[in-house]
C-alpha atoms as a PDB file:
ATOM      1  CA  MET A   1       3.897  -6.204 -17.679  1.00  0.00           C
ATOM      2  CA  HIS A   2       3.097  -5.659 -14.009  1.00  0.00           C
ATOM      3  CA  ALA A   3       6.626  -6.645 -13.060  1.00  0.00           C
ATOM      4  CA  GLY A   4       8.126  -4.170 -15.510  1.00  0.00           C
ATOM      5  CA  HIS A   5       9.667  -6.790 -17.800  1.00  0.00           C
ATOM      6  CA  LEU A   6       7.597  -6.025 -20.898  1.00  0.00           C
ATOM      7  CA  ASP A   7       7.411  -2.884 -22.983  1.00  0.00           C
ATOM      8  CA  PRO A   8       3.780  -1.832 -23.542  1.00  0.00           C
ATOM      9  CA  ALA A   9       4.484  -1.688 -27.281  1.00  0.00           C
ATOM     10  CA  ALA A  10       4.827  -5.487 -27.224  1.00  0.00           C
ATOM     11  CA  LEU A  11       1.242  -6.025 -26.032  1.00  0.00           C
ATOM     12  CA  PRO A  12      -0.464  -6.398 -29.431  1.00  0.00           C
ATOM     13  CA  GLY A  13       2.056  -9.000 -30.614  1.00  0.00           C
ATOM     14  CA  LEU A  14       1.892 -10.873 -27.326  1.00  0.00           C
ATOM     15  CA  ALA A  15      -1.910 -10.930 -27.410  1.00  0.00           C
ATOM     16  CA  GLU A  16      -1.840 -12.320 -30.947  1.00  0.00           C
ATOM     17  CA  LEU A  17       0.690 -14.973 -29.964  1.00  0.00           C
ATOM     18  CA  VAL A  18      -1.281 -16.079 -26.901  1.00  0.00           C
ATOM     19  CA  THR A  19      -4.697 -16.192 -28.548  1.00  0.00           C
ATOM     20  CA  THR A  20      -3.378 -17.989 -31.642  1.00  0.00           C
ATOM     21  CA  ALA A  21      -1.590 -20.646 -29.585  1.00  0.00           C
ATOM     22  CA  TYR A  22      -4.624 -21.123 -27.350  1.00  0.00           C
ATOM     23  CA  LEU A  23      -6.924 -21.510 -30.365  1.00  0.00           C
ATOM     24  CA  GLU A  24      -4.539 -24.015 -31.970  1.00  0.00           C
ATOM     25  CA  GLY A  25      -4.517 -26.057 -28.774  1.00  0.00           C
ATOM     26  CA  LEU A  26      -8.301 -26.059 -28.583  1.00  0.00           C
ATOM     27  CA  LEU A  27      -8.606 -27.094 -32.220  1.00  0.00           C
ATOM     28  CA  ASP A  28      -6.083 -29.901 -31.655  1.00  0.00           C
ATOM     29  CA  GLU A  29      -8.370 -31.173 -28.897  1.00  0.00           C
ATOM     30  CA  GLY A  30     -11.435 -31.113 -31.167  1.00  0.00           C
ATOM     31  CA  TRP A  31     -13.014 -27.827 -30.136  1.00  0.00           C
ATOM     32  CA  SER A  32     -15.405 -26.520 -32.775  1.00  0.00           C
ATOM     33  CA  GLY A  33     -16.414 -23.114 -31.444  1.00  0.00           C
ATOM     34  CA  ALA A  34     -15.985 -19.763 -33.141  1.00  0.00           C
ATOM     35  CA  ALA A  35     -12.446 -18.400 -33.262  1.00  0.00           C
ATOM     36  CA  THR A  36     -13.774 -14.966 -32.291  1.00  0.00           C
ATOM     37  CA  ASP A  37     -14.815 -16.406 -28.920  1.00  0.00           C
ATOM     38  CA  ILE A  38     -11.135 -16.788 -28.036  1.00  0.00           C
ATOM     39  CA  GLY A  39     -10.448 -13.101 -28.584  1.00  0.00           C
ATOM     40  CA  VAL A  40     -13.530 -12.070 -26.628  1.00  0.00           C
ATOM     41  CA  GLY A  41     -12.553 -14.340 -23.739  1.00  0.00           C
ATOM     42  CA  PHE A  42      -8.978 -13.049 -23.764  1.00  0.00           C
ATOM     43  CA  VAL A  43     -10.044  -9.410 -23.707  1.00  0.00           C
ATOM     44  CA  GLY A  44     -12.650 -10.060 -21.032  1.00  0.00           C
ATOM     45  CA  ALA A  45     -10.110 -11.825 -18.841  1.00  0.00           C
ATOM     46  CA  MET A  46      -7.561  -9.036 -19.354  1.00  0.00           C
ATOM     47  CA  LEU A  47     -10.148  -6.412 -18.488  1.00  0.00           C
ATOM     48  CA  ILE A  48     -11.125  -8.176 -15.277  1.00  0.00           C
ATOM     49  CA  ARG A  49      -7.599  -9.195 -14.286  1.00  0.00           C
ATOM     50  CA  SER A  50      -5.570  -6.146 -15.230  1.00  0.00           C
ATOM     51  CA  GLY A  51      -7.903  -3.406 -16.397  1.00  0.00           C
ATOM     52  CA  PHE A  52      -8.856  -2.367 -12.915  1.00  0.00           C
ATOM     53  CA  ASP A  53      -5.685  -3.001 -10.983  1.00  0.00           C
ATOM     54  CA  SER A  54      -2.856  -2.241 -13.374  1.00  0.00           C
ATOM     55  CA  LEU A  55      -2.436   1.372 -12.292  1.00  0.00           C
ATOM     56  CA  ARG A  56      -0.217   2.221  -9.351  1.00  0.00           C
ATOM     57  CA  TYR A  57      -2.637   4.480  -7.520  1.00  0.00           C
ATOM     58  CA  ASP A  58      -0.045   5.098  -4.843  1.00  0.00           C
ATOM     59  CA  LEU A  59       1.973   7.067  -7.404  1.00  0.00           C
ATOM     60  CA  LEU A  60      -0.831   9.484  -8.309  1.00  0.00           C
ATOM     61  CA  GLY A  61      -0.101  13.020  -7.260  1.00  0.00           C
ATOM     62  CA  ALA A  62       3.542  12.293  -6.543  1.00  0.00           C
ATOM     63  CA  GLY A  63       4.901  14.813  -9.033  1.00  0.00           C
ATOM     64  CA  ASP A  64       6.350  13.633 -12.329  1.00  0.00           C
ATOM     65  CA  PRO A  65       5.220  10.060 -12.913  1.00  0.00           C
ATOM     66  CA  PRO A  66       8.002   7.458 -12.926  1.00  0.00           C
ATOM     67  CA  PRO A  67       8.423   5.238 -16.002  1.00  0.00           C
ATOM     68  CA  GLU A  68       6.670   2.382 -14.198  1.00  0.00           C
ATOM     69  CA  PHE A  69       3.512   4.473 -13.845  1.00  0.00           C
ATOM     70  CA  THR A  70       3.626   5.485 -17.504  1.00  0.00           C
ATOM     71  CA  ALA A  71       4.011   1.839 -18.581  1.00  0.00           C
ATOM     72  CA  ARG A  72       1.086   0.793 -16.408  1.00  0.00           C
ATOM     73  CA  LEU A  73      -0.980   3.634 -17.849  1.00  0.00           C
ATOM     74  CA  GLU A  74      -0.194   2.332 -21.349  1.00  0.00           C
ATOM     75  CA  LEU A  75      -1.320  -1.151 -20.278  1.00  0.00           C
ATOM     76  CA  THR A  76      -4.589   0.227 -18.958  1.00  0.00           C
ATOM     77  CA  ARG A  77      -5.116   2.265 -22.128  1.00  0.00           C
ATOM     78  CA  TRP A  78      -4.477  -0.778 -24.329  1.00  0.00           C
ATOM     79  CA  ILE A  79      -6.859  -2.979 -22.322  1.00  0.00           C
ATOM     80  CA  ALA A  80      -9.584  -0.316 -22.434  1.00  0.00           C
ATOM     81  CA  ALA A  81      -9.154   0.104 -26.195  1.00  0.00           C
ATOM     82  CA  MET A  82      -9.351  -3.668 -26.746  1.00  0.00           C
ATOM     83  CA  ALA A  83     -12.461  -3.924 -24.565  1.00  0.00           C
ATOM     84  CA  HIS A  84     -14.064  -1.019 -26.411  1.00  0.00           C
ATOM     85  CA  ARG A  85     -13.527  -2.839 -29.735  1.00  0.00           C
ATOM     86  CA  VAL A  86     -14.822  -6.172 -28.470  1.00  0.00           C
ATOM     87  CA  PHE A  87     -17.677  -5.152 -26.206  1.00  0.00           C
END
């Protein structure tokens, strides 16, 4: 997403794919925790990793925002919405 290779509309499907695969791997290794913990951990990590630094602040106030800024804004919006649901 940060590199501009992923459409923000793909985020929900990608999140589902990643969390499902991670949970399957944990279960294969004998983990017995709650499946909801995986989603909470994923959202928390996304919030910390990308929620605060996904915006290109250098592009603020530069007139019409370029597509890259709009995509990053969508990423930030999606992360904030996920965090709001989880936390």
